[in-house]
PDB file of N, CA and C in Angstrom:
ATOM      1  N   MET A   1      18.466 -84.917 162.546  1.00  0.00           N
ATOM      2  CA  MET A   1      17.785 -84.257 163.742  1.00  0.00           C
ATOM      3  C   MET A   1      17.067 -85.487 164.593  1.00  0.00           C
ATOM      4  N   ALA A   2      17.747 -84.810 166.235  1.00  0.00           N
ATOM      5  CA  ALA A   2      16.850 -85.580 167.072  1.00  0.00           C
ATOM      6  C   ALA A   2      15.497 -85.397 167.410  1.00  0.00           C
ATOM      7  N   ARG A   3      14.657 -86.002 167.854  1.00  0.00           N
ATOM      8  CA  ARG A   3      13.335 -86.185 167.767  1.00  0.00           C
ATOM      9  C   ARG A   3      12.932 -86.076 169.370  1.00  0.00           C
ATOM     10  N   ILE A   4      12.659 -84.808 170.069  1.00  0.00           N
ATOM     11  CA  ILE A   4      12.106 -84.741 171.593  1.00  0.00           C
ATOM     12  C   ILE A   4      10.958 -84.649 171.617  1.00  0.00           C
ATOM     13  N   ALA A   5       9.818 -84.911 172.339  1.00  0.00           N
ATOM     14  CA  ALA A   5       8.274 -84.953 172.754  1.00  0.00           C
ATOM     15  C   ALA A   5       7.708 -84.506 171.549  1.00  0.00           C
ATOM     16  N   GLY A   6       7.858 -85.390 170.540  1.00  0.00           N
ATOM     17  CA  GLY A   6       7.717 -85.015 169.381  1.00  0.00           C
ATOM     18  C   GLY A   6       7.849 -83.974 168.480  1.00  0.00           C
ATOM     19  N   ILE A   7       9.022 -83.311 168.620  1.00  0.00           N
ATOM     20  CA  ILE A   7       9.669 -82.164 167.891  1.00  0.00           C
ATOM     21  C   ILE A   7      11.036 -82.543 167.640  1.00  0.00           C
ATOM     22  N   ASN A   8      10.946 -82.343 165.830  1.00  0.00           N
ATOM     23  CA  ASN A   8      12.767 -82.287 165.739  1.00  0.00           C
ATOM     24  C   ASN A   8      13.362 -81.471 165.969  1.00  0.00           C
ATOM     25  N   VAL A   9      14.356 -81.049 166.657  1.00  0.00           N
ATOM     26  CA  VAL A   9      15.272 -80.415 167.144  1.00  0.00           C
ATOM     27  C   VAL A   9      16.304 -80.353 166.334  1.00  0.00           C
ATOM     28  N   PRO A  10      17.168 -79.238 165.798  1.00  0.00           N
ATOM     29  CA  PRO A  10      18.020 -79.154 165.289  1.00  0.00           C
ATOM     30  C   PRO A  10      19.404 -79.531 165.448  1.00  0.00           C
ATOM     31  N   ASP A  11      20.276 -80.009 164.631  1.00  0.00           N
ATOM     32  CA  ASP A  11      21.358 -80.470 164.972  1.00  0.00           C
ATOM     33  C   ASP A  11      22.486 -79.777 165.665  1.00  0.00           C
ATOM     34  N   LYS A  12      22.581 -78.692 164.566  1.00  0.00           N
ATOM     35  CA  LYS A  12      23.579 -77.833 164.553  1.00  0.00           C
ATOM     36  C   LYS A  12      23.476 -76.838 165.786  1.00  0.00           C
ATOM     37  N   LYS A  13      22.577 -76.639 166.568  1.00  0.00           N
ATOM     38  CA  LYS A  13      22.377 -75.504 167.632  1.00  0.00           C
ATOM     39  C   LYS A  13      22.756 -76.273 169.098  1.00  0.00           C
ATOM     40  N   ARG A  14      23.491 -75.512 169.914  1.00  0.00           N
ATOM     41  CA  ARG A  14      23.679 -75.573 171.295  1.00  0.00           C
ATOM     42  C   ARG A  14      22.724 -76.513 171.889  1.00  0.00           C
ATOM     43  N   VAL A  15      22.943 -77.325 172.525  1.00  0.00           N
ATOM     44  CA  VAL A  15      21.916 -78.313 173.568  1.00  0.00           C
ATOM     45  C   VAL A  15      20.904 -77.169 174.167  1.00  0.00           C
ATOM     46  N   PRO A  16      20.836 -76.439 175.022  1.00  0.00           N
ATOM     47  CA  PRO A  16      19.890 -75.110 175.735  1.00  0.00           C
ATOM     48  C   PRO A  16      18.988 -74.412 174.771  1.00  0.00           C
ATOM     49  N   ILE A  17      19.604 -74.180 173.540  1.00  0.00           N
ATOM     50  CA  ILE A  17      19.051 -73.486 172.560  1.00  0.00           C
ATOM     51  C   ILE A  17      18.040 -74.834 171.744  1.00  0.00           C
ATOM     52  N   ALA A  18      18.903 -75.602 171.553  1.00  0.00           N
ATOM     53  CA  ALA A  18      17.748 -76.067 171.048  1.00  0.00           C
ATOM     54  C   ALA A  18      16.767 -77.014 171.543  1.00  0.00           C
ATOM     55  N   LEU A  19      16.678 -76.966 172.625  1.00  0.00           N
ATOM     56  CA  LEU A  19      15.594 -77.578 173.466  1.00  0.00           C
ATOM     57  C   LEU A  19      14.301 -76.433 173.923  1.00  0.00           C
ATOM     58  N   THR A  20      14.832 -75.105 173.558  1.00  0.00           N
ATOM     59  CA  THR A  20      13.803 -74.147 173.298  1.00  0.00           C
ATOM     60  C   THR A  20      12.643 -74.479 172.005  1.00  0.00           C
ATOM     61  N   TYR A  21      13.311 -75.318 170.759  1.00  0.00           N
ATOM     62  CA  TYR A  21      12.150 -75.697 170.196  1.00  0.00           C
ATOM     63  C   TYR A  21      11.040 -76.140 170.376  1.00  0.00           C
ATOM     64  N   ILE A  22      11.139 -76.728 171.924  1.00  0.00           N
ATOM     65  CA  ILE A  22       9.837 -77.640 172.416  1.00  0.00           C
ATOM     66  C   ILE A  22       9.106 -76.668 173.109  1.00  0.00           C
ATOM     67  N   ARG A  23       7.694 -76.254 172.524  1.00  0.00           N
ATOM     68  CA  ARG A  23       7.206 -75.436 172.949  1.00  0.00           C
ATOM     69  C   ARG A  23       7.013 -75.791 174.945  1.00  0.00           C
ATOM     70  N   GLY A  24       7.070 -74.541 175.209  1.00  0.00           N
ATOM     71  CA  GLY A  24       6.628 -74.762 177.292  1.00  0.00           C
ATOM     72  C   GLY A  24       8.308 -74.672 177.388  1.00  0.00           C
ATOM     73  N   ILE A  25       9.204 -75.232 176.843  1.00  0.00           N
ATOM     74  CA  ILE A  25      10.274 -75.145 177.312  1.00  0.00           C
ATOM     75  C   ILE A  25      11.477 -73.827 177.020  1.00  0.00           C
ATOM     76  N   GLY A  26      11.236 -73.042 177.920  1.00  0.00           N
ATOM     77  CA  GLY A  26      12.366 -71.709 177.412  1.00  0.00           C
ATOM     78  C   GLY A  26      14.068 -72.121 177.701  1.00  0.00           C
ATOM     79  N   HIS A  27      14.478 -70.776 177.818  1.00  0.00           N
ATOM     80  CA  HIS A  27      16.134 -70.628 177.936  1.00  0.00           C
ATOM     81  C   HIS A  27      16.443 -71.207 179.733  1.00  0.00           C
ATOM     82  N   THR A  28      15.870 -70.410 180.622  1.00  0.00           N
ATOM     83  CA  THR A  28      15.518 -71.171 181.921  1.00  0.00           C
ATOM     84  C   THR A  28      15.724 -72.605 182.236  1.00  0.00           C
ATOM     85  N   THR A  29      14.225 -73.265 181.868  1.00  0.00           N
ATOM     86  CA  THR A  29      14.233 -74.281 182.075  1.00  0.00           C
ATOM     87  C   THR A  29      15.111 -75.317 181.510  1.00  0.00           C
ATOM     88  N   ALA A  30      15.501 -74.890 179.707  1.00  0.00           N
ATOM     89  CA  ALA A  30      16.554 -75.967 179.041  1.00  0.00           C
ATOM     90  C   ALA A  30      17.734 -75.780 179.897  1.00  0.00           C
ATOM     91  N   GLY A  31      18.221 -75.015 180.836  1.00  0.00           N
ATOM     92  CA  GLY A  31      19.427 -74.515 181.405  1.00  0.00           C
ATOM     93  C   GLY A  31      19.293 -76.081 182.495  1.00  0.00           C
ATOM     94  N   LYS A  32      18.410 -75.612 183.570  1.00  0.00           N
ATOM     95  CA  LYS A  32      17.852 -76.320 184.276  1.00  0.00           C
ATOM     96  C   LYS A  32      17.995 -77.786 183.861  1.00  0.00           C
ATOM     97  N   ILE A  33      17.520 -78.064 182.950  1.00  0.00           N
ATOM     98  CA  ILE A  33      17.433 -79.518 182.552  1.00  0.00           C
ATOM     99  C   ILE A  33      19.343 -80.004 182.006  1.00  0.00           C
ATOM    100  N   CYS A  34      19.725 -78.846 181.277  1.00  0.00           N
ATOM    101  CA  CYS A  34      21.281 -79.367 181.098  1.00  0.00           C
ATOM    102  C   CYS A  34      22.292 -79.605 182.728  1.00  0.00           C
ATOM    103  N   ASP A  35      21.601 -78.806 183.539  1.00  0.00           N
ATOM    104  CA  ASP A  35      22.579 -78.586 184.680  1.00  0.00           C
ATOM    105  C   ASP A  35      22.179 -80.282 185.489  1.00  0.00           C
ATOM    106  N   LYS A  36      21.156 -80.424 185.239  1.00  0.00           N
ATOM    107  CA  LYS A  36      20.347 -81.883 186.199  1.00  0.00           C
ATOM    108  C   LYS A  36      21.077 -82.920 185.598  1.00  0.00           C
ATOM    109  N   LEU A  37      21.408 -82.977 184.204  1.00  0.00           N
ATOM    110  CA  LEU A  37      21.618 -84.116 183.659  1.00  0.00           C
ATOM    111  C   LEU A  37      23.032 -84.215 183.464  1.00  0.00           C
ATOM    112  N   GLY A  38      23.565 -83.032 183.678  1.00  0.00           N
ATOM    113  CA  GLY A  38      25.373 -82.830 183.539  1.00  0.00           C
ATOM    114  C   GLY A  38      25.844 -82.632 182.459  1.00  0.00           C
ATOM    115  N   ILE A  39      24.930 -81.814 181.119  1.00  0.00           N
ATOM    116  CA  ILE A  39      25.054 -82.082 179.900  1.00  0.00           C
ATOM    117  C   ILE A  39      26.073 -80.701 179.910  1.00  0.00           C
ATOM    118  N   ASP A  40      27.065 -80.705 179.097  1.00  0.00           N
ATOM    119  CA  ASP A  40      28.009 -79.286 178.584  1.00  0.00           C
ATOM    120  C   ASP A  40      27.013 -78.500 177.881  1.00  0.00           C
ATOM    121  N   VAL A  41      26.707 -77.042 178.219  1.00  0.00           N
ATOM    122  CA  VAL A  41      25.991 -76.299 177.065  1.00  0.00           C
ATOM    123  C   VAL A  41      26.566 -75.703 176.003  1.00  0.00           C
ATOM    124  N   GLN A  42      27.721 -75.740 175.911  1.00  0.00           N
ATOM    125  CA  GLN A  42      28.510 -75.782 174.701  1.00  0.00           C
ATOM    126  C   GLN A  42      28.569 -76.730 173.741  1.00  0.00           C
ATOM    127  N   GLN A  43      27.757 -78.114 174.370  1.00  0.00           N
ATOM    128  CA  GLN A  43      28.127 -78.843 173.146  1.00  0.00           C
ATOM    129  C   GLN A  43      26.794 -78.735 172.207  1.00  0.00           C
ATOM    130  N   ARG A  44      27.129 -79.483 170.901  1.00  0.00           N
ATOM    131  CA  ARG A  44      25.591 -79.315 170.096  1.00  0.00           C
ATOM    132  C   ARG A  44      24.540 -80.449 169.857  1.00  0.00           C
ATOM    133  N   MET A  45      23.672 -80.406 169.718  1.00  0.00           N
ATOM    134  CA  MET A  45      22.793 -81.642 169.618  1.00  0.00           C
ATOM    135  C   MET A  45      23.056 -82.478 168.981  1.00  0.00           C
ATOM    136  N   GLY A  46      23.485 -82.588 167.695  1.00  0.00           N
ATOM    137  CA  GLY A  46      24.001 -83.279 166.846  1.00  0.00           C
ATOM    138  C   GLY A  46      25.347 -84.122 167.407  1.00  0.00           C
ATOM    139  N   GLN A  47      25.726 -83.697 168.659  1.00  0.00           N
ATOM    140  CA  GLN A  47      27.143 -84.540 169.081  1.00  0.00           C
ATOM    141  C   GLN A  47      27.122 -85.612 170.039  1.00  0.00           C
ATOM    142  N   LEU A  48      25.522 -85.441 170.277  1.00  0.00           N
ATOM    143  CA  LEU A  48      25.151 -86.478 171.931  1.00  0.00           C
ATOM    144  C   LEU A  48      25.040 -87.721 171.116  1.00  0.00           C
ATOM    145  N   ASP A  49      25.254 -88.535 172.489  1.00  0.00           N
ATOM    146  CA  ASP A  49      25.079 -89.727 172.006  1.00  0.00           C
ATOM    147  C   ASP A  49      23.383 -90.153 172.454  1.00  0.00           C
ATOM    148  N   GLU A  50      23.113 -91.617 171.815  1.00  0.00           N
ATOM    149  CA  GLU A  50      21.835 -91.774 172.149  1.00  0.00           C
ATOM    150  C   GLU A  50      21.561 -92.068 173.723  1.00  0.00           C
ATOM    151  N   ASP A  51      22.368 -92.425 174.362  1.00  0.00           N
ATOM    152  CA  ASP A  51      22.432 -92.476 175.534  1.00  0.00           C
ATOM    153  C   ASP A  51      21.734 -91.140 176.440  1.00  0.00           C
ATOM    154  N   THR A  52      22.542 -90.094 176.000  1.00  0.00           N
ATOM    155  CA  THR A  52      22.007 -89.007 176.443  1.00  0.00           C
ATOM    156  C   THR A  52      21.005 -88.144 175.938  1.00  0.00           C
ATOM    157  N   LEU A  53      20.544 -89.137 174.535  1.00  0.00           N
ATOM    158  CA  LEU A  53      19.412 -88.098 174.331  1.00  0.00           C
ATOM    159  C   LEU A  53      18.020 -88.588 175.110  1.00  0.00           C
ATOM    160  N   ASN A  54      17.978 -90.371 175.225  1.00  0.00           N
ATOM    161  CA  ASN A  54      17.631 -90.851 175.808  1.00  0.00           C
ATOM    162  C   ASN A  54      16.743 -90.434 177.290  1.00  0.00           C
ATOM    163  N   ARG A  55      18.411 -90.026 178.268  1.00  0.00           N
ATOM    164  CA  ARG A  55      18.216 -89.189 179.295  1.00  0.00           C
ATOM    165  C   ARG A  55      17.037 -87.939 179.296  1.00  0.00           C
ATOM    166  N   ILE A  56      17.559 -87.303 177.979  1.00  0.00           N
ATOM    167  CA  ILE A  56      16.264 -85.799 177.771  1.00  0.00           C
ATOM    168  C   ILE A  56      15.604 -86.125 178.349  1.00  0.00           C
ATOM    169  N   ARG A  57      14.982 -87.232 176.884  1.00  0.00           N
ATOM    170  CA  ARG A  57      13.577 -87.552 176.826  1.00  0.00           C
ATOM    171  C   ARG A  57      12.798 -88.024 177.810  1.00  0.00           C
ATOM    172  N   THR A  58      13.639 -88.579 178.996  1.00  0.00           N
ATOM    173  CA  THR A  58      12.760 -89.196 180.107  1.00  0.00           C
ATOM    174  C   THR A  58      12.489 -88.106 181.179  1.00  0.00           C
ATOM    175  N   GLU A  59      13.661 -87.213 180.881  1.00  0.00           N
ATOM    176  CA  GLU A  59      13.570 -86.363 181.504  1.00  0.00           C
ATOM    177  C   GLU A  59      12.189 -85.300 181.392  1.00  0.00           C
ATOM    178  N   ILE A  60      11.938 -84.745 179.797  1.00  0.00           N
ATOM    179  CA  ILE A  60      11.109 -83.953 179.648  1.00  0.00           C
ATOM    180  C   ILE A  60      10.139 -84.977 180.014  1.00  0.00           C
ATOM    181  N   ASP A  61       9.708 -86.237 179.288  1.00  0.00           N
ATOM    182  CA  ASP A  61       8.530 -86.738 179.591  1.00  0.00           C
ATOM    183  C   ASP A  61       8.263 -87.148 180.962  1.00  0.00           C
ATOM    184  N   SER A  62       8.953 -86.716 181.914  1.00  0.00           N
ATOM    185  CA  SER A  62       8.543 -87.430 183.468  1.00  0.00           C
ATOM    186  C   SER A  62       7.442 -86.744 183.369  1.00  0.00           C
ATOM    187  N   GLY A  63       6.558 -85.494 183.659  1.00  0.00           N
ATOM    188  CA  GLY A  63       5.311 -84.992 183.853  1.00  0.00           C
ATOM    189  C   GLY A  63       5.644 -84.070 184.719  1.00  0.00           C
ATOM    190  N   SER A  64       7.014 -83.378 185.312  1.00  0.00           N
ATOM    191  CA  SER A  64       7.272 -82.051 185.838  1.00  0.00           C
ATOM    192  C   SER A  64       7.249 -81.048 184.765  1.00  0.00           C
ATOM    193  N   TYR A  65       7.450 -81.233 183.639  1.00  0.00           N
ATOM    194  CA  TYR A  65       6.970 -79.997 182.675  1.00  0.00           C
ATOM    195  C   TYR A  65       5.780 -79.737 181.817  1.00  0.00           C
ATOM    196  N   LEU A  66       4.936 -79.127 181.839  1.00  0.00           N
ATOM    197  CA  LEU A  66       3.829 -78.872 180.675  1.00  0.00           C
ATOM    198  C   LEU A  66       4.298 -78.387 178.947  1.00  0.00           C
ATOM    199  N   ILE A  67       4.150 -79.185 178.341  1.00  0.00           N
ATOM    200  CA  ILE A  67       4.331 -78.946 177.138  1.00  0.00           C
ATOM    201  C   ILE A  67       3.793 -79.663 175.651  1.00  0.00           C
ATOM    202  N   GLU A  68       4.293 -78.936 174.659  1.00  0.00           N
ATOM    203  CA  GLU A  68       3.281 -79.208 173.665  1.00  0.00           C
ATOM    204  C   GLU A  68       1.716 -79.238 173.734  1.00  0.00           C
ATOM    205  N   GLY A  69       1.226 -80.769 173.340  1.00  0.00           N
ATOM    206  CA  GLY A  69      -0.016 -80.034 172.772  1.00  0.00           C
ATOM    207  C   GLY A  69      -1.086 -80.137 174.534  1.00  0.00           C
ATOM    208  N   ASP A  70      -0.464 -80.470 175.517  1.00  0.00           N
ATOM    209  CA  ASP A  70      -1.026 -80.341 177.204  1.00  0.00           C
ATOM    210  C   ASP A  70      -0.920 -78.746 177.313  1.00  0.00           C
ATOM    211  N   LEU A  71       0.487 -78.194 177.089  1.00  0.00           N
ATOM    212  CA  LEU A  71       0.223 -76.596 177.207  1.00  0.00           C
ATOM    213  C   LEU A  71      -0.703 -75.929 176.645  1.00  0.00           C
ATOM    214  N   ARG A  72      -1.214 -76.001 175.464  1.00  0.00           N
ATOM    215  CA  ARG A  72      -1.935 -75.591 174.408  1.00  0.00           C
ATOM    216  C   ARG A  72      -3.006 -75.941 174.827  1.00  0.00           C
ATOM    217  N   ARG A  73      -3.528 -77.142 175.807  1.00  0.00           N
ATOM    218  CA  ARG A  73      -4.895 -77.559 175.693  1.00  0.00           C
ATOM    219  C   ARG A  73      -5.082 -76.621 177.225  1.00  0.00           C
ATOM    220  N   GLU A  74      -4.251 -76.385 178.075  1.00  0.00           N
ATOM    221  CA  GLU A  74      -3.917 -75.633 179.417  1.00  0.00           C
ATOM    222  C   GLU A  74      -5.044 -74.458 179.176  1.00  0.00           C
ATOM    223  N   VAL A  75      -3.722 -73.653 178.349  1.00  0.00           N
ATOM    224  CA  VAL A  75      -3.879 -72.298 177.871  1.00  0.00           C
ATOM    225  C   VAL A  75      -5.398 -71.861 177.331  1.00  0.00           C
ATOM    226  N   SER A  76      -5.888 -73.025 176.376  1.00  0.00           N
ATOM    227  CA  SER A  76      -7.548 -72.705 175.481  1.00  0.00           C
ATOM    228  C   SER A  76      -7.995 -73.042 176.514  1.00  0.00           C
ATOM    229  N   MET A  77      -8.003 -73.581 177.282  1.00  0.00           N
ATOM    230  CA  MET A  77      -8.845 -74.062 178.766  1.00  0.00           C
ATOM    231  C   MET A  77      -9.349 -73.068 179.554  1.00  0.00           C
ATOM    232  N   ASN A  78      -8.371 -72.509 179.954  1.00  0.00           N
ATOM    233  CA  ASN A  78      -8.047 -71.518 180.765  1.00  0.00           C
ATOM    234  C   ASN A  78      -9.223 -70.177 180.157  1.00  0.00           C
ATOM    235  N   ILE A  79      -8.592 -69.769 179.217  1.00  0.00           N
ATOM    236  CA  ILE A  79      -9.218 -68.564 178.135  1.00  0.00           C
ATOM    237  C   ILE A  79     -10.599 -69.090 177.968  1.00  0.00           C
ATOM    238  N   LYS A  80     -11.024 -70.521 177.700  1.00  0.00           N
ATOM    239  CA  LYS A  80     -12.599 -70.816 177.524  1.00  0.00           C
ATOM    240  C   LYS A  80     -12.959 -70.573 178.739  1.00  0.00           C
ATOM    241  N   ARG A  81     -12.577 -70.658 180.022  1.00  0.00           N
ATOM    242  CA  ARG A  81     -13.161 -70.422 181.642  1.00  0.00           C
ATOM    243  C   ARG A  81     -12.877 -68.844 181.743  1.00  0.00           C
ATOM    244  N   LEU A  82     -12.405 -67.972 180.838  1.00  0.00           N
ATOM    245  CA  LEU A  82     -12.516 -66.703 181.082  1.00  0.00           C
ATOM    246  C   LEU A  82     -13.846 -66.102 180.234  1.00  0.00           C
ATOM    247  N   MET A  83     -13.981 -66.868 179.008  1.00  0.00           N
ATOM    248  CA  MET A  83     -15.033 -66.577 178.221  1.00  0.00           C
ATOM    249  C   MET A  83     -16.434 -66.944 178.885  1.00  0.00           C
ATOM    250  N   ASP A  84     -16.233 -68.290 179.458  1.00  0.00           N
ATOM    251  CA  ASP A  84     -17.643 -68.549 179.964  1.00  0.00           C
ATOM    252  C   ASP A  84     -18.280 -67.468 181.357  1.00  0.00           C
ATOM    253  N   MET A  85     -17.224 -67.122 182.458  1.00  0.00           N
ATOM    254  CA  MET A  85     -17.429 -66.471 183.180  1.00  0.00           C
ATOM    255  C   MET A  85     -17.968 -64.808 183.034  1.00  0.00           C
ATOM    256  N   ALA A  86     -17.751 -64.495 181.773  1.00  0.00           N
ATOM    257  CA  ALA A  86     -17.954 -63.535 181.062  1.00  0.00           C
ATOM    258  C   ALA A  86     -17.385 -62.120 181.921  1.00  0.00           C
ATOM    259  N   CYS A  87     -16.566 -62.786 182.482  1.00  0.00           N
ATOM    260  CA  CYS A  87     -15.486 -61.520 182.840  1.00  0.00           C
ATOM    261  C   CYS A  87     -15.106 -60.443 181.733  1.00  0.00           C
ATOM    262  N   LEU A  88     -14.481 -59.171 182.163  1.00  0.00           N
ATOM    263  CA  LEU A  88     -14.071 -58.429 181.224  1.00  0.00           C
ATOM    264  C   LEU A  88     -12.650 -59.108 180.152  1.00  0.00           C
ATOM    265  N   ARG A  89     -11.661 -59.678 181.574  1.00  0.00           N
ATOM    266  CA  ARG A  89     -10.704 -60.314 180.212  1.00  0.00           C
ATOM    267  C   ARG A  89     -11.435 -61.296 179.527  1.00  0.00           C
ATOM    268  N   GLY A  90     -12.982 -62.409 179.389  1.00  0.00           N
ATOM    269  CA  GLY A  90     -13.127 -63.073 178.526  1.00  0.00           C
ATOM    270  C   GLY A  90     -13.682 -62.496 177.860  1.00  0.00           C
ATOM    271  N   LEU A  91     -14.362 -61.398 177.656  1.00  0.00           N
ATOM    272  CA  LEU A  91     -14.887 -60.884 177.131  1.00  0.00           C
ATOM    273  C   LEU A  91     -14.531 -59.924 175.792  1.00  0.00           C
ATOM    274  N   ARG A  92     -12.860 -59.435 176.118  1.00  0.00           N
ATOM    275  CA  ARG A  92     -11.907 -59.088 175.159  1.00  0.00           C
ATOM    276  C   ARG A  92     -11.582 -60.191 174.255  1.00  0.00           C
ATOM    277  N   HIS A  93     -11.799 -61.320 174.970  1.00  0.00           N
ATOM    278  CA  HIS A  93     -10.929 -62.711 174.165  1.00  0.00           C
ATOM    279  C   HIS A  93     -11.958 -62.841 173.013  1.00  0.00           C
ATOM    280  N   ARG A  94     -13.486 -63.069 173.412  1.00  0.00           N
ATOM    281  CA  ARG A  94     -14.464 -63.272 172.855  1.00  0.00           C
ATOM    282  C   ARG A  94     -15.082 -61.979 171.446  1.00  0.00           C
ATOM    283  N   ARG A  95     -14.183 -60.836 171.821  1.00  0.00           N
ATOM    284  CA  ARG A  95     -14.406 -59.776 170.848  1.00  0.00           C
ATOM    285  C   ARG A  95     -13.279 -59.587 170.184  1.00  0.00           C
ATOM    286  N   GLY A  96     -11.969 -60.314 170.084  1.00  0.00           N
ATOM    287  CA  GLY A  96     -10.773 -60.195 169.334  1.00  0.00           C
ATOM    288  C   GLY A  96      -9.980 -58.644 169.837  1.00  0.00           C
ATOM    289  N   LEU A  97     -10.303 -58.296 171.003  1.00  0.00           N
ATOM    290  CA  LEU A  97      -9.452 -57.054 171.443  1.00  0.00           C
ATOM    291  C   LEU A  97      -8.653 -56.977 172.456  1.00  0.00           C
ATOM    292  N   PRO A  98      -7.385 -56.000 172.548  1.00  0.00           N
ATOM    293  CA  PRO A  98      -6.460 -56.818 173.591  1.00  0.00           C
ATOM    294  C   PRO A  98      -7.308 -56.849 174.607  1.00  0.00           C
ATOM    295  N   VAL A  99      -6.510 -57.796 175.579  1.00  0.00           N
ATOM    296  CA  VAL A  99      -6.866 -58.054 176.717  1.00  0.00           C
ATOM    297  C   VAL A  99      -6.946 -57.531 178.319  1.00  0.00           C
ATOM    298  N   ARG A 100      -5.178 -57.133 177.840  1.00  0.00           N
ATOM    299  CA  ARG A 100      -4.499 -56.449 178.695  1.00  0.00           C
ATOM    300  C   ARG A 100      -4.413 -54.747 179.021  1.00  0.00           C
ATOM    301  N   GLY A 101      -5.369 -54.412 178.844  1.00  0.00           N
ATOM    302  CA  GLY A 101      -5.457 -52.997 178.794  1.00  0.00           C
ATOM    303  C   GLY A 101      -4.786 -51.579 177.975  1.00  0.00           C
ATOM    304  N   GLN A 102      -4.012 -52.396 176.932  1.00  0.00           N
ATOM    305  CA  GLN A 102      -3.428 -51.850 176.113  1.00  0.00           C
ATOM    306  C   GLN A 102      -4.697 -50.255 175.189  1.00  0.00           C
ATOM    307  N   ARG A 103      -4.642 -49.406 174.755  1.00  0.00           N
ATOM    308  CA  ARG A 103      -5.207 -48.575 174.301  1.00  0.00           C
ATOM    309  C   ARG A 103      -5.579 -49.123 172.545  1.00  0.00           C
ATOM    310  N   THR A 104      -6.443 -48.812 172.196  1.00  0.00           N
ATOM    311  CA  THR A 104      -7.161 -49.522 170.696  1.00  0.00           C
ATOM    312  C   THR A 104      -8.074 -48.201 170.297  1.00  0.00           C
ATOM    313  N   GLN A 105      -7.513 -46.785 170.296  1.00  0.00           N
ATOM    314  CA  GLN A 105      -8.146 -46.016 169.260  1.00  0.00           C
ATOM    315  C   GLN A 105      -6.884 -46.171 168.013  1.00  0.00           C
ATOM    316  N   THR A 106      -5.471 -46.128 168.138  1.00  0.00           N
ATOM    317  CA  THR A 106      -4.679 -46.083 167.157  1.00  0.00           C
ATOM    318  C   THR A 106      -4.140 -47.387 167.394  1.00  0.00           C
ATOM    319  N   ASN A 107      -3.749 -48.044 167.817  1.00  0.00           N
ATOM    320  CA  ASN A 107      -2.966 -49.331 167.616  1.00  0.00           C
ATOM    321  C   ASN A 107      -3.866 -50.293 167.832  1.00  0.00           C
ATOM    322  N   ALA A 108      -3.286 -51.639 168.131  1.00  0.00           N
ATOM    323  CA  ALA A 108      -3.984 -53.003 168.043  1.00  0.00           C
ATOM    324  C   ALA A 108      -4.396 -53.439 167.086  1.00  0.00           C
ATOM    325  N   ARG A 109      -3.559 -52.881 165.955  1.00  0.00           N
ATOM    326  CA  ARG A 109      -4.277 -53.770 164.665  1.00  0.00           C
ATOM    327  C   ARG A 109      -3.672 -55.497 164.506  1.00  0.00           C
ATOM    328  N   THR A 110      -2.604 -55.508 165.487  1.00  0.00           N
ATOM    329  CA  THR A 110      -2.802 -57.195 165.303  1.00  0.00           C
ATOM    330  C   THR A 110      -3.771 -57.970 165.989  1.00  0.00           C
ATOM    331  N   ARG A 111      -4.438 -57.476 166.815  1.00  0.00           N
ATOM    332  CA  ARG A 111      -5.631 -58.191 167.333  1.00  0.00           C
ATOM    333  C   ARG A 111      -6.847 -58.187 166.721  1.00  0.00           C
ATOM    334  N   LYS A 112      -6.825 -56.318 166.116  1.00  0.00           N
ATOM    335  CA  LYS A 112      -8.286 -55.856 165.170  1.00  0.00           C
ATOM    336  C   LYS A 112      -8.279 -56.442 164.036  1.00  0.00           C
ATOM    337  N   GLY A 113      -6.700 -56.966 163.531  1.00  0.00           N
ATOM    338  CA  GLY A 113      -7.018 -57.088 162.077  1.00  0.00           C
ATOM    339  C   GLY A 113      -6.661 -55.620 161.438  1.00  0.00           C
ATOM    340  N   PRO A 114      -6.844 -55.958 160.020  1.00  0.00           N
ATOM    341  CA  PRO A 114      -6.510 -54.879 159.268  1.00  0.00           C
ATOM    342  C   PRO A 114      -7.761 -53.588 159.492  1.00  0.00           C
ATOM    343  N   ALA A 115      -7.108 -52.378 158.851  1.00  0.00           N
ATOM    344  CA  ALA A 115      -8.233 -50.996 158.987  1.00  0.00           C
ATOM    345  C   ALA A 115      -9.256 -51.432 158.301  1.00  0.00           C
ATOM    346  N   LYS A 116     -10.862 -51.332 158.795  1.00  0.00           N
ATOM    347  CA  LYS A 116     -11.939 -51.399 157.690  1.00  0.00           C
ATOM    348  C   LYS A 116     -12.017 -49.580 157.500  1.00  0.00           C
ATOM    349  N   PRO A 117     -12.107 -49.601 156.283  1.00  0.00           N
ATOM    350  CA  PRO A 117     -13.032 -48.456 155.799  1.00  0.00           C
ATOM    351  C   PRO A 117     -14.225 -47.880 156.161  1.00  0.00           C
ATOM    352  N   ILE A 118     -14.556 -46.488 156.880  1.00  0.00           N
ATOM    353  CA  ILE A 118     -15.781 -46.501 156.790  1.00  0.00           C
ATOM    354  C   ILE A 118     -16.756 -45.504 156.074  1.00  0.00           C
ATOM    355  N   ALA A 119     -17.495 -45.547 155.768  1.00  0.00           N
ATOM    356  CA  ALA A 119     -17.940 -44.857 154.443  1.00  0.00           C
ATOM    357  C   ALA A 119     -18.441 -43.820 154.869  1.00  0.00           C
ATOM    358  N   GLY A 120     -17.735 -42.640 153.729  1.00  0.00           N
ATOM    359  CA  GLY A 120     -18.726 -41.480 154.001  1.00  0.00           C
ATOM    360  C   GLY A 120     -17.689 -40.478 155.607  1.00  0.00           C
ATOM    361  N   LYS A 121     -16.550 -41.303 155.689  1.00  0.00           N
ATOM    362  CA  LYS A 121     -15.828 -40.546 156.543  1.00  0.00           C
ATOM    363  C   LYS A 121     -14.601 -39.597 156.287  1.00  0.00           C
ATOM    364  N   LYS A 122     -14.552 -38.297 156.473  1.00  0.00           N
ATOM    365  CA  LYS A 122     -13.711 -37.506 156.035  1.00  0.00           C
ATOM    366  C   LYS A 122     -12.764 -37.601 157.028  1.00  0.00           C
ATOM    367  N   LYS A 123     -11.323 -36.586 156.946  1.00  0.00           N
ATOM    368  CA  LYS A 123     -10.471 -36.512 157.849  1.00  0.00           C
ATOM    369  C   LYS A 123     -10.505 -35.409 158.716  1.00  0.00           C
TER     370      LYS A 123
END
């Protein structure tokens, strides 16, 4: 397994697909990296030589991509900022409710957790 940005990327996957295993690199960014470095998109990660892997590592570590820990920190700081401002989105985050206007009367079980029974409630 090749190790890029602290992540073990699978050898049997094509290069653009394997790069998406790194948090912060999606399909579009992986394709751009392959185009920029002149890597064939049909090639598998295990077929790449060490020089090509080093070129991929230096391209990703160059600082132009927000990946892994830095990305997680950025997202959590953005959420914390919203919560400190006490805006509606911050309050929804604080209460563990959907943030982007979804209904909560019948759905939203992912955010709210399992249904809690109410004592004495009849159908």
